[in-house]
Amino acid sequence: MKNIRIVITDDDSLIVSLLQGFLHSCDGMEVLFTAYSGPGLLSQLSTAAVLPDIVLLDLKMDGMDGIEVTNHLKADFPDIKVIVVSSHYQRSFMGFMLKTGVSAFLPKGISPIELVDVIRTVDRQGYYFKEDQLAAVRGQISSKTPKPALDEDDSLSEREIEVLRLICQQMTAKEIGEVLFLTPRTVEGHKTTLFAKTGAKNIAGLVIYAIQHGFIKVDELPVM
């Protein structure tokens, strides 16, 4: 099994050094490089021979904040998953952060062991929710929000909705295929179509789309 490739970006050099040392000691994890600013991260990514699976990103940094960095990453490196770890963490930011394309949003006070668990979860399923974060999202996304009218070409088929709901249940392409009697390749094709039709940038975006359009309720999402 390949290592989870990680990049750390934070303007606090001590945090970067400590986190890098800790993650290097964890089985199955590899820190490719570190950066101390958003522009520094983007510059290194543009010339990197190997791209990371996950970027650990501070929210408040001089010059370019974590939200701006995430927007650049989703435009130029859409396969990289973003975990924001911030001293400015607030649950009320959760809905906005997910819409931005962040796969997980965590406080800097998180324990190192829990952070490793989050990294592995995001690498495996594309997003990470805690129960209190789901409660925050529930408050930010009204259950009475009407489903927008979609053009016929953009509407989801019944099969695509089935795949979407199972994605929200943390199932892999192989597991979804076993439930729906499809090959994993066919499931991946449906996922590609879902990204195109919904405009979602990652799995977390698909989850938010599913909630907003009534395909799944917040209470039905699995929690950690």
Protein backbone atom coordinates (compact mmCIF):
# COMPACT_ATOMS: atom_id res chain seq x y z
CA MET A 1 0.00 0.00 0.00
CA LYS A 2 1.38 3.40 -0.95
CA ASN A 3 2.12 6.08 1.58
CA ILE A 4 -0.23 9.03 1.96
CA ARG A 5 1.74 11.93 0.50
CA ILE A 6 1.37 15.11 2.58
CA VAL A 7 2.43 18.74 2.31
CA ILE A 8 2.31 21.08 5.33
CA THR A 9 1.70 24.81 4.89
CA ASP A 10 1.76 27.15 7.88
CA ASP A 11 3.52 30.43 8.61
CA ASP A 12 4.51 29.17 12.09
CA SER A 13 7.86 27.42 11.52
CA LEU A 14 7.75 25.66 14.90
CA ILE A 15 4.37 24.06 14.15
CA VAL A 16 5.60 23.01 10.72
CA SER A 17 8.73 21.43 12.17
CA LEU A 18 6.92 19.58 14.96
CA LEU A 19 4.15 18.35 12.67
CA GLN A 20 6.60 17.24 10.01
CA GLY A 21 8.60 15.25 12.56
CA PHE A 22 5.49 13.60 13.99
CA LEU A 23 4.00 12.63 10.63
CA HIS A 24 7.32 11.23 9.45
CA SER A 25 7.14 8.84 12.41
CA CYS A 26 3.66 7.56 11.45
CA ASP A 27 3.30 4.42 9.38
CA GLY A 28 1.98 4.97 5.88
CA MET A 29 2.63 8.72 5.78
CA GLU A 30 5.20 10.75 3.90
CA VAL A 31 5.75 14.51 4.08
CA LEU A 32 6.89 15.56 0.59
CA PHE A 33 7.79 19.12 1.55
CA THR A 34 6.70 22.07 3.66
CA ALA A 35 5.82 25.69 2.88
CA TYR A 36 5.43 28.81 5.00
CA SER A 37 3.01 30.76 2.79
CA GLY A 38 0.33 30.26 0.15
CA PRO A 39 2.48 31.56 -2.72
CA GLY A 40 5.36 29.38 -1.51
CA LEU A 41 3.13 26.31 -1.59
CA LEU A 42 1.78 27.04 -5.07
CA SER A 43 5.28 27.72 -6.40
CA GLN A 44 6.58 24.39 -5.11
CA LEU A 45 3.57 22.50 -6.43
CA SER A 46 4.05 23.98 -9.90
CA THR A 47 7.50 22.36 -10.17
CA ALA A 48 6.95 19.24 -8.04
CA ALA A 49 7.79 15.91 -9.65
CA VAL A 50 5.24 14.20 -7.38
CA LEU A 51 2.07 15.87 -6.09
CA PRO A 52 0.69 15.31 -2.60
CA ASP A 53 -2.53 13.52 -1.83
CA ILE A 54 -3.31 15.95 1.00
CA VAL A 55 -2.30 19.49 1.93
CA LEU A 56 -2.47 20.48 5.60
CA LEU A 57 -3.19 24.20 5.47
CA ASP A 58 -3.36 27.06 7.96
CA LEU A 59 -6.32 29.40 7.54
CA LYS A 60 -4.81 32.78 8.45
CA MET A 61 -1.48 33.52 6.78
CA ASP A 62 0.14 36.74 5.57
CA GLY A 63 -0.28 37.58 1.90
CA MET A 64 -2.71 34.80 0.96
CA ASP A 65 -5.10 33.15 3.40
CA GLY A 66 -6.15 29.52 3.41
CA ILE A 67 -9.38 30.18 1.53
CA GLU A 68 -7.52 31.87 -1.33
CA VAL A 69 -5.00 29.04 -1.39
CA THR A 70 -7.80 26.46 -1.50
CA ASN A 71 -9.41 28.25 -4.45
CA HIS A 72 -6.11 28.08 -6.34
CA LEU A 73 -5.62 24.43 -5.45
CA LYS A 74 -9.10 23.45 -6.62
CA ALA A 75 -8.57 25.28 -9.90
CA ASP A 76 -5.04 24.05 -10.67
CA PHE A 77 -4.66 20.83 -8.63
CA PRO A 78 -8.20 19.46 -8.20
CA ASP A 79 -7.09 16.00 -7.08
CA ILE A 80 -5.32 17.34 -3.99
CA LYS A 81 -7.46 17.15 -0.85
CA VAL A 82 -7.26 20.08 1.57
CA ILE A 83 -7.40 19.80 5.36
CA VAL A 84 -7.51 23.21 7.06
CA VAL A 85 -6.10 23.23 10.61
CA SER A 86 -6.59 26.63 12.21
CA SER A 87 -6.46 28.49 15.50
CA HIS A 88 -9.39 30.49 14.05
CA TYR A 89 -11.58 27.39 13.91
CA GLN A 90 -15.29 27.97 14.39
CA ARG A 91 -18.05 25.47 13.69
CA SER A 92 -20.10 28.28 12.16
CA PHE A 93 -17.55 28.39 9.30
CA MET A 94 -18.16 24.73 8.45
CA GLY A 95 -20.67 25.09 5.62
CA PHE A 96 -18.64 27.81 3.92
CA MET A 97 -15.40 25.84 4.19
CA LEU A 98 -16.97 22.76 2.64
CA LYS A 99 -18.41 24.78 -0.23
CA THR A 100 -14.93 26.21 -0.80
CA GLY A 101 -13.67 22.69 -1.37
CA VAL A 102 -12.05 21.85 1.95
CA SER A 103 -12.25 18.15 2.86
CA ALA A 104 -11.90 18.71 6.61
CA PHE A 105 -11.79 21.73 8.93
CA LEU A 106 -10.07 21.28 12.29
CA PRO A 107 -8.91 23.32 15.29
CA LYS A 108 -5.17 23.56 15.96
CA GLY A 109 -5.84 22.08 19.39
CA ILE A 110 -6.60 18.71 17.81
CA SER A 111 -4.50 15.86 19.19
CA PRO A 112 -1.81 14.46 16.87
CA ILE A 113 -3.37 11.00 17.03
CA GLU A 114 -6.77 12.35 16.00
CA LEU A 115 -5.15 14.34 13.19
CA VAL A 116 -3.62 11.14 11.81
CA ASP A 117 -7.07 9.52 11.90
CA VAL A 118 -8.54 12.48 10.01
CA ILE A 119 -5.79 12.34 7.38
CA ARG A 120 -6.41 8.63 6.81
CA THR A 121 -10.17 9.15 6.63
CA VAL A 122 -9.89 12.00 4.12
CA ASP A 123 -7.46 9.98 2.00
CA ARG A 124 -9.85 7.03 2.01
CA GLN A 125 -13.25 8.68 1.52
CA GLY A 126 -12.60 12.29 0.55
CA TYR A 127 -14.07 14.12 3.56
CA TYR A 128 -14.31 14.07 7.34
CA PHE A 129 -17.21 15.21 9.54
CA LYS A 130 -17.49 15.20 13.31
CA GLU A 131 -20.90 15.04 14.93
CA ASP A 132 -20.79 18.65 16.16
CA GLN A 133 -19.79 19.81 12.68
CA LEU A 134 -22.76 18.01 11.18
CA ALA A 135 -24.96 19.82 13.69
CA ALA A 136 -23.46 23.12 12.51
CA VAL A 137 -24.05 22.23 8.86
CA ARG A 138 -27.61 21.24 9.73
CA GLY A 139 -28.18 24.74 11.08
CA GLN A 140 -26.63 26.40 8.04
CA ILE A 141 -28.49 24.39 5.40
CA SER A 142 -32.22 24.69 5.90
CA SER A 143 -34.27 21.56 5.43
CA LYS A 144 -36.89 23.78 3.79
CA THR A 145 -34.54 24.98 1.06
CA PRO A 146 -36.39 24.33 -2.21
CA LYS A 147 -34.80 22.15 -4.83
CA PRO A 148 -33.69 24.36 -7.73
CA ALA A 149 -35.17 23.74 -11.16
CA LEU A 150 -32.52 22.07 -13.30
CA ASP A 151 -32.20 22.04 -17.03
CA GLU A 152 -32.99 18.65 -18.46
CA ASP A 153 -29.38 18.12 -19.54
CA ASP A 154 -28.15 18.85 -16.01
CA SER A 155 -30.66 16.77 -14.07
CA LEU A 156 -29.42 13.63 -12.37
CA SER A 157 -30.62 10.22 -13.49
CA GLU A 158 -32.02 7.75 -10.99
CA ARG A 159 -28.80 5.73 -11.20
CA GLU A 160 -26.67 8.83 -10.59
CA ILE A 161 -28.76 9.69 -7.54
CA GLU A 162 -28.27 6.14 -6.23
CA VAL A 163 -24.51 6.47 -6.69
CA LEU A 164 -24.54 9.90 -5.07
CA ARG A 165 -26.39 8.64 -1.99
CA LEU A 166 -23.95 5.74 -1.58
CA ILE A 167 -20.96 8.08 -1.97
CA CYS A 168 -22.42 10.06 0.93
CA GLN A 169 -22.43 6.83 2.94
CA GLN A 170 -18.63 6.62 2.56
CA MET A 171 -18.74 3.68 0.15
CA THR A 172 -15.87 3.07 -2.27
CA ALA A 173 -16.42 2.49 -6.00
CA LYS A 174 -16.00 -1.25 -5.42
CA GLU A 175 -18.56 -1.29 -2.60
CA ILE A 176 -21.04 0.79 -4.60
CA GLY A 177 -20.60 -1.56 -7.53
CA GLU A 178 -21.42 -4.56 -5.35
CA VAL A 179 -24.62 -2.90 -4.10
CA LEU A 180 -25.79 -1.72 -7.52
CA PHE A 181 -24.36 -4.66 -9.55
CA LEU A 182 -22.02 -2.39 -11.49
CA THR A 183 -18.32 -2.59 -12.24
CA PRO A 184 -16.06 -0.19 -10.31
CA ARG A 185 -15.16 1.41 -13.64
CA THR A 186 -18.84 2.15 -14.34
CA VAL A 187 -19.22 3.64 -10.86
CA GLU A 188 -16.18 5.88 -11.48
CA GLY A 189 -17.85 6.99 -14.71
CA HIS A 190 -20.98 7.98 -12.79
CA LYS A 191 -18.81 9.88 -10.28
CA THR A 192 -17.17 11.82 -13.12
CA THR A 193 -20.61 12.70 -14.47
CA LEU A 194 -21.76 13.79 -11.01
CA PHE A 195 -18.81 16.16 -10.68
CA ALA A 196 -19.59 17.63 -14.11
CA LYS A 197 -23.32 18.04 -13.51
CA THR A 198 -23.13 19.37 -9.95
CA GLY A 199 -20.04 21.54 -10.29
CA ALA A 200 -18.67 19.97 -7.09
CA LYS A 201 -14.90 20.13 -6.64
CA ASN A 202 -14.53 17.05 -4.45
CA ILE A 203 -16.45 14.41 -2.51
CA ALA A 204 -17.28 16.91 0.23
CA GLY A 205 -18.83 19.12 -2.43
CA LEU A 206 -20.98 16.23 -3.64
CA VAL A 207 -22.16 15.67 -0.07
CA ILE A 208 -23.15 19.32 0.30
CA TYR A 209 -24.92 19.19 -3.08
CA ALA A 210 -26.83 16.07 -2.02
CA ILE A 211 -27.97 17.76 1.20
CA GLN A 212 -28.98 21.00 -0.51
CA HIS A 213 -30.99 19.19 -3.17
CA GLY A 214 -32.77 16.82 -0.81
CA PHE A 215 -31.10 13.61 -2.00
CA ILE A 216 -29.90 12.87 1.53
CA LYS A 217 -30.60 14.32 4.98
CA VAL A 218 -27.84 15.53 7.27
CA ASP A 219 -29.00 13.00 9.88
CA GLU A 220 -28.35 10.17 7.39
CA LEU A 221 -24.66 11.00 7.02
CA PRO A 222 -22.22 8.77 8.90
CA VAL A 223 -20.34 10.53 11.69
CA MET A 224 -16.92 9.90 13.25
